[in-house]
PDB file of N, CA and C in Angstrom:
ATOM      1  N   UNK A   1     123.155 132.199 229.491  1.00  0.00           N
ATOM      2  CA  UNK A   1     123.897 130.969 229.251  1.00  0.00           C
ATOM      3  C   UNK A   1     123.049 129.809 229.763  1.00  0.00           C
ATOM      4  N   UNK A   2     122.970 128.753 228.998  1.00  0.00           N
ATOM      5  CA  UNK A   2     122.187 127.601 229.431  1.00  0.00           C
ATOM      6  C   UNK A   2     122.943 126.834 230.514  1.00  0.00           C
ATOM      7  N   UNK A   3     122.221 126.059 231.275  1.00  0.00           N
ATOM      8  CA  UNK A   3     122.822 125.341 232.404  1.00  0.00           C
ATOM      9  C   UNK A   3     123.699 124.176 231.986  1.00  0.00           C
ATOM     10  N   UNK A   4     123.633 123.743 230.742  1.00  0.00           N
ATOM     11  CA  UNK A   4     124.464 122.614 230.319  1.00  0.00           C
ATOM     12  C   UNK A   4     125.714 123.052 229.561  1.00  0.00           C
ATOM     13  N   UNK A   5     126.038 124.331 229.589  1.00  0.00           N
ATOM     14  CA  UNK A   5     127.282 124.800 228.981  1.00  0.00           C
ATOM     15  C   UNK A   5     128.420 124.667 229.989  1.00  0.00           C
ATOM     16  N   UNK A   6     129.593 124.447 229.460  1.00  0.00           N
ATOM     17  CA  UNK A   6     130.771 124.291 230.307  1.00  0.00           C
ATOM     18  C   UNK A   6     131.595 125.566 230.280  1.00  0.00           C
ATOM     19  N   UNK A   7     131.992 126.013 231.462  1.00  0.00           N
ATOM     20  CA  UNK A   7     132.911 127.141 231.573  1.00  0.00           C
ATOM     21  C   UNK A   7     134.295 126.605 231.879  1.00  0.00           C
ATOM     22  N   UNK A   8     135.276 127.168 231.225  1.00  0.00           N
ATOM     23  CA  UNK A   8     136.656 126.776 231.488  1.00  0.00           C
ATOM     24  C   UNK A   8     137.414 128.009 231.940  1.00  0.00           C
ATOM     25  N   UNK A   9     138.077 127.901 233.080  1.00  0.00           N
ATOM     26  CA  UNK A   9     138.908 128.979 233.594  1.00  0.00           C
ATOM     27  C   UNK A   9     140.369 128.594 233.419  1.00  0.00           C
ATOM     28  N   UNK A  10     141.154 129.562 233.048  1.00  0.00           N
ATOM     29  CA  UNK A  10     142.600 129.345 232.949  1.00  0.00           C
ATOM     30  C   UNK A  10     143.269 130.303 233.927  1.00  0.00           C
ATOM     31  N   UNK A  11     143.951 129.748 234.925  1.00  0.00           N
ATOM     32  CA  UNK A  11     144.688 130.557 235.888  1.00  0.00           C
ATOM     33  C   UNK A  11     146.158 130.522 235.514  1.00  0.00           C
ATOM     34  N   UNK A  12     146.728 131.675 235.319  1.00  0.00           N
ATOM     35  CA  UNK A  12     148.160 131.777 235.053  1.00  0.00           C
ATOM     36  C   UNK A  12     148.767 132.514 236.236  1.00  0.00           C
ATOM     37  N   UNK A  13     149.405 131.774 237.101  1.00  0.00           N
ATOM     38  CA  UNK A  13     149.973 132.358 238.312  1.00  0.00           C
ATOM     39  C   UNK A  13     151.425 132.704 238.026  1.00  0.00           C
ATOM     40  N   UNK A  14     151.730 133.982 238.051  1.00  0.00           N
ATOM     41  CA  UNK A  14     153.096 134.418 237.786  1.00  0.00           C
ATOM     42  C   UNK A  14     154.047 133.858 238.826  1.00  0.00           C
ATOM     43  N   UNK A  15     155.127 133.262 238.348  1.00  0.00           N
ATOM     44  CA  UNK A  15     156.167 132.737 239.241  1.00  0.00           C
ATOM     45  C   UNK A  15     155.532 131.900 240.349  1.00  0.00           C
ATOM     46  N   UNK A  16     154.774 130.914 239.959  1.00  0.00           N
ATOM     47  CA  UNK A  16     153.898 130.172 240.869  1.00  0.00           C
ATOM     48  C   UNK A  16     154.587 129.689 242.138  1.00  0.00           C
ATOM     49  N   UNK A  17     155.668 128.941 242.026  1.00  0.00           N
ATOM     50  CA  UNK A  17     156.290 128.393 243.233  1.00  0.00           C
ATOM     51  C   UNK A  17     156.799 129.506 244.140  1.00  0.00           C
ATOM     52  N   UNK A  18     157.411 130.536 243.562  1.00  0.00           N
ATOM     53  CA  UNK A  18     157.898 131.659 244.369  1.00  0.00           C
ATOM     54  C   UNK A  18     156.719 132.395 245.011  1.00  0.00           C
ATOM     55  N   UNK A  19     155.622 132.542 244.279  1.00  0.00           N
ATOM     56  CA  UNK A  19     154.432 133.189 244.835  1.00  0.00           C
ATOM     57  C   UNK A  19     153.854 132.374 245.983  1.00  0.00           C
ATOM     58  N   UNK A  20     153.858 131.059 245.848  1.00  0.00           N
ATOM     59  CA  UNK A  20     153.376 130.192 246.932  1.00  0.00           C
ATOM     60  C   UNK A  20     154.232 130.357 248.181  1.00  0.00           C
ATOM     61  N   UNK A  21     155.529 130.472 247.998  1.00  0.00           N
ATOM     62  CA  UNK A  21     156.419 130.669 249.145  1.00  0.00           C
ATOM     63  C   UNK A  21     156.110 131.989 249.846  1.00  0.00           C
ATOM     64  N   UNK A  22     155.746 133.009 249.074  1.00  0.00           N
ATOM     65  CA  UNK A  22     155.405 134.302 249.666  1.00  0.00           C
ATOM     66  C   UNK A  22     154.064 134.245 250.392  1.00  0.00           C
ATOM     67  N   UNK A  23     153.161 133.386 249.935  1.00  0.00           N
ATOM     68  CA  UNK A  23     151.898 133.186 250.651  1.00  0.00           C
ATOM     69  C   UNK A  23     152.177 132.518 251.989  1.00  0.00           C
ATOM     70  N   UNK A  24     153.032 131.500 251.980  1.00  0.00           N
ATOM     71  CA  UNK A  24     153.364 130.768 253.201  1.00  0.00           C
ATOM     72  C   UNK A  24     154.104 131.652 254.198  1.00  0.00           C
ATOM     73  N   UNK A  25     154.980 132.519 253.705  1.00  0.00           N
ATOM     74  CA  UNK A  25     155.803 133.369 254.568  1.00  0.00           C
ATOM     75  C   UNK A  25     155.709 134.812 254.082  1.00  0.00           C
ATOM     76  N   UNK A  26     154.727 135.567 254.594  1.00  0.00           N
ATOM     77  CA  UNK A  26     154.527 136.945 254.137  1.00  0.00           C
ATOM     78  C   UNK A  26     155.736 137.863 254.348  1.00  0.00           C
ATOM     79  N   UNK A  27     156.676 137.487 255.190  1.00  0.00           N
ATOM     80  CA  UNK A  27     157.865 138.326 255.383  1.00  0.00           C
ATOM     81  C   UNK A  27     158.725 138.361 254.116  1.00  0.00           C
ATOM     82  N   UNK A  28     158.466 137.450 253.181  1.00  0.00           N
ATOM     83  CA  UNK A  28     159.210 137.422 251.918  1.00  0.00           C
ATOM     84  C   UNK A  28     158.671 138.411 250.890  1.00  0.00           C
ATOM     85  N   UNK A  29     157.546 139.019 251.184  1.00  0.00           N
ATOM     86  CA  UNK A  29     156.837 139.851 250.205  1.00  0.00           C
ATOM     87  C   UNK A  29     157.733 140.878 249.519  1.00  0.00           C
ATOM     88  N   UNK A  30     158.636 141.509 250.248  1.00  0.00           N
ATOM     89  CA  UNK A  30     159.474 142.567 249.676  1.00  0.00           C
ATOM     90  C   UNK A  30     160.867 142.087 249.290  1.00  0.00           C
ATOM     91  N   UNK A  31     161.059 140.778 249.222  1.00  0.00           N
ATOM     92  CA  UNK A  31     162.363 140.220 248.868  1.00  0.00           C
ATOM     93  C   UNK A  31     162.284 139.458 247.553  1.00  0.00           C
ATOM     94  N   UNK A  32     163.372 139.474 246.777  1.00  0.00           N
ATOM     95  CA  UNK A  32     163.423 138.582 245.622  1.00  0.00           C
ATOM     96  C   UNK A  32     163.539 137.140 246.122  1.00  0.00           C
ATOM     97  N   UNK A  33     162.817 136.232 245.482  1.00  0.00           N
ATOM     98  CA  UNK A  33     162.760 134.841 245.944  1.00  0.00           C
ATOM     99  C   UNK A  33     163.056 133.895 244.785  1.00  0.00           C
ATOM    100  N   UNK A  34     163.865 132.873 245.085  1.00  0.00           N
ATOM    101  CA  UNK A  34     164.063 131.764 244.157  1.00  0.00           C
ATOM    102  C   UNK A  34     163.695 130.476 244.878  1.00  0.00           C
ATOM    103  N   UNK A  35     163.240 129.502 244.110  1.00  0.00           N
ATOM    104  CA  UNK A  35     162.939 128.176 244.640  1.00  0.00           C
ATOM    105  C   UNK A  35     163.916 127.207 243.993  1.00  0.00           C
ATOM    106  N   UNK A  36     164.464 126.333 244.823  1.00  0.00           N
ATOM    107  CA  UNK A  36     165.502 125.412 244.370  1.00  0.00           C
ATOM    108  C   UNK A  36     164.942 124.011 244.147  1.00  0.00           C
ATOM    109  N   UNK A  37     165.597 123.268 243.291  1.00  0.00           N
ATOM    110  CA  UNK A  37     165.203 121.898 242.957  1.00  0.00           C
ATOM    111  C   UNK A  37     165.402 120.974 244.154  1.00  0.00           C
ATOM    112  N   UNK A  38     164.993 119.728 243.963  1.00  0.00           N
ATOM    113  CA  UNK A  38     165.295 118.716 244.980  1.00  0.00           C
ATOM    114  C   UNK A  38     166.794 118.736 245.232  1.00  0.00           C
ATOM    115  N   UNK A  39     167.183 118.621 246.462  1.00  0.00           N
ATOM    116  CA  UNK A  39     168.591 118.673 246.868  1.00  0.00           C
ATOM    117  C   UNK A  39     169.226 120.039 246.624  1.00  0.00           C
ATOM    118  N   UNK A  40     168.402 121.059 246.356  1.00  0.00           N
ATOM    119  CA  UNK A  40     168.879 122.446 246.225  1.00  0.00           C
ATOM    120  C   UNK A  40     169.993 122.602 245.196  1.00  0.00           C
ATOM    121  N   UNK A  41     169.891 121.914 244.076  1.00  0.00           N
ATOM    122  CA  UNK A  41     170.958 121.948 243.070  1.00  0.00           C
ATOM    123  C   UNK A  41     170.853 123.117 242.102  1.00  0.00           C
ATOM    124  N   UNK A  42     169.626 123.495 241.718  1.00  0.00           N
ATOM    125  CA  UNK A  42     169.501 124.591 240.759  1.00  0.00           C
ATOM    126  C   UNK A  42     168.187 125.333 240.990  1.00  0.00           C
ATOM    127  N   UNK A  43     168.096 126.511 240.381  1.00  0.00           N
ATOM    128  CA  UNK A  43     166.889 127.333 240.498  1.00  0.00           C
ATOM    129  C   UNK A  43     165.818 126.760 239.570  1.00  0.00           C
ATOM    130  N   UNK A  44     164.659 126.435 240.158  1.00  0.00           N
ATOM    131  CA  UNK A  44     163.556 125.919 239.342  1.00  0.00           C
ATOM    132  C   UNK A  44     162.423 126.929 239.211  1.00  0.00           C
ATOM    133  N   UNK A  45     162.446 127.976 240.024  1.00  0.00           N
ATOM    134  CA  UNK A  45     161.429 129.025 239.937  1.00  0.00           C
ATOM    135  C   UNK A  45     162.008 130.290 240.552  1.00  0.00           C
ATOM    136  N   UNK A  46     161.613 131.419 239.993  1.00  0.00           N
ATOM    137  CA  UNK A  46     162.067 132.687 240.537  1.00  0.00           C
ATOM    138  C   UNK A  46     161.032 133.753 240.238  1.00  0.00           C
ATOM    139  N   UNK A  47     160.961 134.729 241.134  1.00  0.00           N
ATOM    140  CA  UNK A  47     160.000 135.799 240.925  1.00  0.00           C
ATOM    141  C   UNK A  47     160.599 136.875 240.027  1.00  0.00           C
ATOM    142  N   UNK A  48     159.780 137.855 239.679  1.00  0.00           N
ATOM    143  CA  UNK A  48     160.233 138.887 238.741  1.00  0.00           C
ATOM    144  C   UNK A  48     161.387 139.706 239.299  1.00  0.00           C
ATOM    145  N   UNK A  49     161.433 139.880 240.624  1.00  0.00           N
ATOM    146  CA  UNK A  49     162.540 140.629 241.229  1.00  0.00           C
ATOM    147  C   UNK A  49     163.867 139.898 241.035  1.00  0.00           C
ATOM    148  N   UNK A  50     163.864 138.588 241.235  1.00  0.00           N
ATOM    149  CA  UNK A  50     165.091 137.799 241.039  1.00  0.00           C
ATOM    150  C   UNK A  50     165.485 137.779 239.564  1.00  0.00           C
ATOM    151  N   UNK A  51     164.496 137.707 238.683  1.00  0.00           N
ATOM    152  CA  UNK A  51     164.786 137.758 237.245  1.00  0.00           C
ATOM    153  C   UNK A  51     165.430 139.090 236.879  1.00  0.00           C
ATOM    154  N   UNK A  52     164.913 140.183 237.454  1.00  0.00           N
ATOM    155  CA  UNK A  52     165.448 141.515 237.163  1.00  0.00           C
ATOM    156  C   UNK A  52     166.895 141.658 237.628  1.00  0.00           C
ATOM    157  N   UNK A  53     167.291 140.854 238.608  1.00  0.00           N
ATOM    158  CA  UNK A  53     168.671 140.877 239.096  1.00  0.00           C
ATOM    159  C   UNK A  53     169.598 140.014 238.236  1.00  0.00           C
ATOM    160  N   UNK A  54     169.041 139.378 237.210  1.00  0.00           N
ATOM    161  CA  UNK A  54     169.864 138.634 236.263  1.00  0.00           C
ATOM    162  C   UNK A  54     169.928 137.133 236.474  1.00  0.00           C
ATOM    163  N   UNK A  55     169.164 136.612 237.418  1.00  0.00           N
ATOM    164  CA  UNK A  55     169.175 135.173 237.666  1.00  0.00           C
ATOM    165  C   UNK A  55     168.194 134.492 236.723  1.00  0.00           C
ATOM    166  N   UNK A  56     168.482 133.225 236.423  1.00  0.00           N
ATOM    167  CA  UNK A  56     167.689 132.517 235.421  1.00  0.00           C
ATOM    168  C   UNK A  56     167.292 131.131 235.910  1.00  0.00           C
ATOM    169  N   UNK A  57     166.195 130.655 235.345  1.00  0.00           N
ATOM    170  CA  UNK A  57     165.745 129.290 235.567  1.00  0.00           C
ATOM    171  C   UNK A  57     166.866 128.342 235.169  1.00  0.00           C
ATOM    172  N   UNK A  58     167.190 127.406 236.019  1.00  0.00           N
ATOM    173  CA  UNK A  58     168.230 126.426 235.722  1.00  0.00           C
ATOM    174  C   UNK A  58     169.611 126.807 236.208  1.00  0.00           C
ATOM    175  N   UNK A  59     169.784 128.040 236.703  1.00  0.00           N
ATOM    176  CA  UNK A  59     171.100 128.413 237.237  1.00  0.00           C
ATOM    177  C   UNK A  59     171.509 127.434 238.335  1.00  0.00           C
ATOM    178  N   UNK A  60     172.702 126.850 238.256  1.00  0.00           N
ATOM    179  CA  UNK A  60     173.175 125.964 239.326  1.00  0.00           C
ATOM    180  C   UNK A  60     173.384 126.783 240.603  1.00  0.00           C
ATOM    181  N   UNK A  61     172.761 126.349 241.683  1.00  0.00           N
ATOM    182  CA  UNK A  61     172.792 127.123 242.920  1.00  0.00           C
ATOM    183  C   UNK A  61     174.213 127.294 243.450  1.00  0.00           C
ATOM    184  N   UNK A  62     175.034 126.267 243.346  1.00  0.00           N
ATOM    185  CA  UNK A  62     176.390 126.378 243.877  1.00  0.00           C
ATOM    186  C   UNK A  62     177.194 127.456 243.149  1.00  0.00           C
ATOM    187  N   UNK A  63     176.817 127.776 241.919  1.00  0.00           N
ATOM    188  CA  UNK A  63     177.529 128.804 241.158  1.00  0.00           C
ATOM    189  C   UNK A  63     177.024 130.214 241.446  1.00  0.00           C
ATOM    190  N   UNK A  64     175.765 130.345 241.841  1.00  0.00           N
ATOM    191  CA  UNK A  64     175.184 131.685 242.010  1.00  0.00           C
ATOM    192  C   UNK A  64     174.833 132.028 243.452  1.00  0.00           C
ATOM    193  N   UNK A  65     174.999 131.088 244.365  1.00  0.00           N
ATOM    194  CA  UNK A  65     174.557 131.304 245.747  1.00  0.00           C
ATOM    195  C   UNK A  65     175.181 132.544 246.382  1.00  0.00           C
ATOM    196  N   UNK A  66     176.482 132.704 246.253  1.00  0.00           N
ATOM    197  CA  UNK A  66     177.159 133.832 246.897  1.00  0.00           C
ATOM    198  C   UNK A  66     176.644 135.167 246.344  1.00  0.00           C
ATOM    199  N   UNK A  67     176.534 135.269 245.031  1.00  0.00           N
ATOM    200  CA  UNK A  67     176.038 136.494 244.410  1.00  0.00           C
ATOM    201  C   UNK A  67     174.571 136.734 244.768  1.00  0.00           C
ATOM    202  N   UNK A  68     173.773 135.674 244.753  1.00  0.00           N
ATOM    203  CA  UNK A  68     172.352 135.802 245.085  1.00  0.00           C
ATOM    204  C   UNK A  68     172.174 136.302 246.512  1.00  0.00           C
ATOM    205  N   UNK A  69     172.918 135.735 247.429  1.00  0.00           N
ATOM    206  CA  UNK A  69     172.835 136.150 248.829  1.00  0.00           C
ATOM    207  C   UNK A  69     173.255 137.610 248.968  1.00  0.00           C
ATOM    208  N   UNK A  70     174.311 138.002 248.271  1.00  0.00           N
ATOM    209  CA  UNK A  70     174.786 139.391 248.326  1.00  0.00           C
ATOM    210  C   UNK A  70     173.745 140.363 247.783  1.00  0.00           C
ATOM    211  N   UNK A  71     172.916 139.902 246.861  1.00  0.00           N
ATOM    212  CA  UNK A  71     171.876 140.761 246.276  1.00  0.00           C
ATOM    213  C   UNK A  71     170.547 140.666 247.019  1.00  0.00           C
ATOM    214  N   UNK A  72     170.534 139.963 248.143  1.00  0.00           N
ATOM    215  CA  UNK A  72     169.337 139.908 248.976  1.00  0.00           C
ATOM    216  C   UNK A  72     168.301 138.896 248.557  1.00  0.00           C
ATOM    217  N   UNK A  73     168.681 137.975 247.698  1.00  0.00           N
ATOM    218  CA  UNK A  73     167.731 136.949 247.268  1.00  0.00           C
ATOM    219  C   UNK A  73     167.554 135.919 248.372  1.00  0.00           C
ATOM    220  N   UNK A  74     166.305 135.562 248.601  1.00  0.00           N
ATOM    221  CA  UNK A  74     165.977 134.516 249.561  1.00  0.00           C
ATOM    222  C   UNK A  74     165.715 133.238 248.773  1.00  0.00           C
ATOM    223  N   UNK A  75     166.406 132.175 249.140  1.00  0.00           N
ATOM    224  CA  UNK A  75     166.229 130.882 248.474  1.00  0.00           C
ATOM    225  C   UNK A  75     165.414 129.958 249.366  1.00  0.00           C
ATOM    226  N   UNK A  76     164.500 129.249 248.760  1.00  0.00           N
ATOM    227  CA  UNK A  76     163.692 128.258 249.465  1.00  0.00           C
ATOM    228  C   UNK A  76     163.829 126.915 248.756  1.00  0.00           C
ATOM    229  N   UNK A  77     163.907 125.859 249.547  1.00  0.00           N
ATOM    230  CA  UNK A  77     163.865 124.506 248.987  1.00  0.00           C
ATOM    231  C   UNK A  77     162.460 124.251 248.465  1.00  0.00           C
ATOM    232  N   UNK A  78     162.354 123.480 247.408  1.00  0.00           N
ATOM    233  CA  UNK A  78     161.040 123.203 246.833  1.00  0.00           C
ATOM    234  C   UNK A  78     160.151 122.492 247.849  1.00  0.00           C
ATOM    235  N   UNK A  79     158.864 122.841 247.801  1.00  0.00           N
ATOM    236  CA  UNK A  79     157.879 122.334 248.753  1.00  0.00           C
ATOM    237  C   UNK A  79     156.651 121.915 247.945  1.00  0.00           C
ATOM    238  N   UNK A  80     156.738 120.753 247.330  1.00  0.00           N
ATOM    239  CA  UNK A  80     155.688 120.325 246.413  1.00  0.00           C
ATOM    240  C   UNK A  80     154.352 120.086 247.108  1.00  0.00           C
ATOM    241  N   UNK A  81     154.375 119.751 248.380  1.00  0.00           N
ATOM    242  CA  UNK A  81     153.125 119.589 249.125  1.00  0.00           C
ATOM    243  C   UNK A  81     152.390 120.927 249.196  1.00  0.00           C
ATOM    244  N   UNK A  82     153.120 122.000 249.465  1.00  0.00           N
ATOM    245  CA  UNK A  82     152.525 123.341 249.498  1.00  0.00           C
ATOM    246  C   UNK A  82     151.948 123.710 248.136  1.00  0.00           C
ATOM    247  N   UNK A  83     152.714 123.503 247.068  1.00  0.00           N
ATOM    248  CA  UNK A  83     152.258 123.890 245.734  1.00  0.00           C
ATOM    249  C   UNK A  83     151.023 123.093 245.332  1.00  0.00           C
ATOM    250  N   UNK A  84     150.989 121.825 245.702  1.00  0.00           N
ATOM    251  CA  UNK A  84     149.827 120.988 245.413  1.00  0.00           C
ATOM    252  C   UNK A  84     148.602 121.484 246.174  1.00  0.00           C
ATOM    253  N   UNK A  85     148.790 121.830 247.438  1.00  0.00           N
ATOM    254  CA  UNK A  85     147.686 122.325 248.261  1.00  0.00           C
ATOM    255  C   UNK A  85     147.106 123.612 247.676  1.00  0.00           C
ATOM    256  N   UNK A  86     147.966 124.539 247.314  1.00  0.00           N
ATOM    257  CA  UNK A  86     147.484 125.804 246.758  1.00  0.00           C
ATOM    258  C   UNK A  86     146.821 125.571 245.404  1.00  0.00           C
ATOM    259  N   UNK A  87     147.370 124.684 244.595  1.00  0.00           N
ATOM    260  CA  UNK A  87     146.760 124.354 243.310  1.00  0.00           C
ATOM    261  C   UNK A  87     145.359 123.780 243.504  1.00  0.00           C
ATOM    262  N   UNK A  88     145.207 122.895 244.472  1.00  0.00           N
ATOM    263  CA  UNK A  88     143.889 122.314 244.750  1.00  0.00           C
ATOM    264  C   UNK A  88     142.900 123.387 245.178  1.00  0.00           C
ATOM    265  N   UNK A  89     143.364 124.368 245.937  1.00  0.00           N
ATOM    266  CA  UNK A  89     142.477 125.463 246.357  1.00  0.00           C
ATOM    267  C   UNK A  89     142.013 126.280 245.154  1.00  0.00           C
ATOM    268  N   UNK A  90     142.900 126.506 244.198  1.00  0.00           N
ATOM    269  CA  UNK A  90     142.495 127.216 242.985  1.00  0.00           C
ATOM    270  C   UNK A  90     141.450 126.418 242.222  1.00  0.00           C
ATOM    271  N   UNK A  91     141.584 125.120 242.216  1.00  0.00           N
ATOM    272  CA  UNK A  91     140.647 124.282 241.477  1.00  0.00           C
ATOM    273  C   UNK A  91     139.247 124.314 242.088  1.00  0.00           C
ATOM    274  N   UNK A  92     139.139 124.737 243.346  1.00  0.00           N
ATOM    275  CA  UNK A  92     137.837 124.830 243.997  1.00  0.00           C
ATOM    276  C   UNK A  92     137.061 126.071 243.576  1.00  0.00           C
ATOM    277  N   UNK A  93     137.738 127.004 242.937  1.00  0.00           N
ATOM    278  CA  UNK A  93     137.084 128.263 242.541  1.00  0.00           C
ATOM    279  C   UNK A  93     136.023 128.000 241.501  1.00  0.00           C
TER     280      UNK A  93
END
């Protein structure tokens, strides 16, 4: 490959926000995780375990909180500073 060619990488991070939360807190590794919107109103991200339990993007948290807690789902408030930091680290690759 010549030195003036451009390489483009595409990173597709599964359940990105939920994955970032698991990086920040490794104790979440074996738990289903959802990330909530500003003011914790609805689910904006969820991992495959939470999806398998029947929860969906956009579910209003006040409607599903009791069931989610009963099924062992851990909810985290959105942390855009964390997601931005991890995204910037990927861009350094």
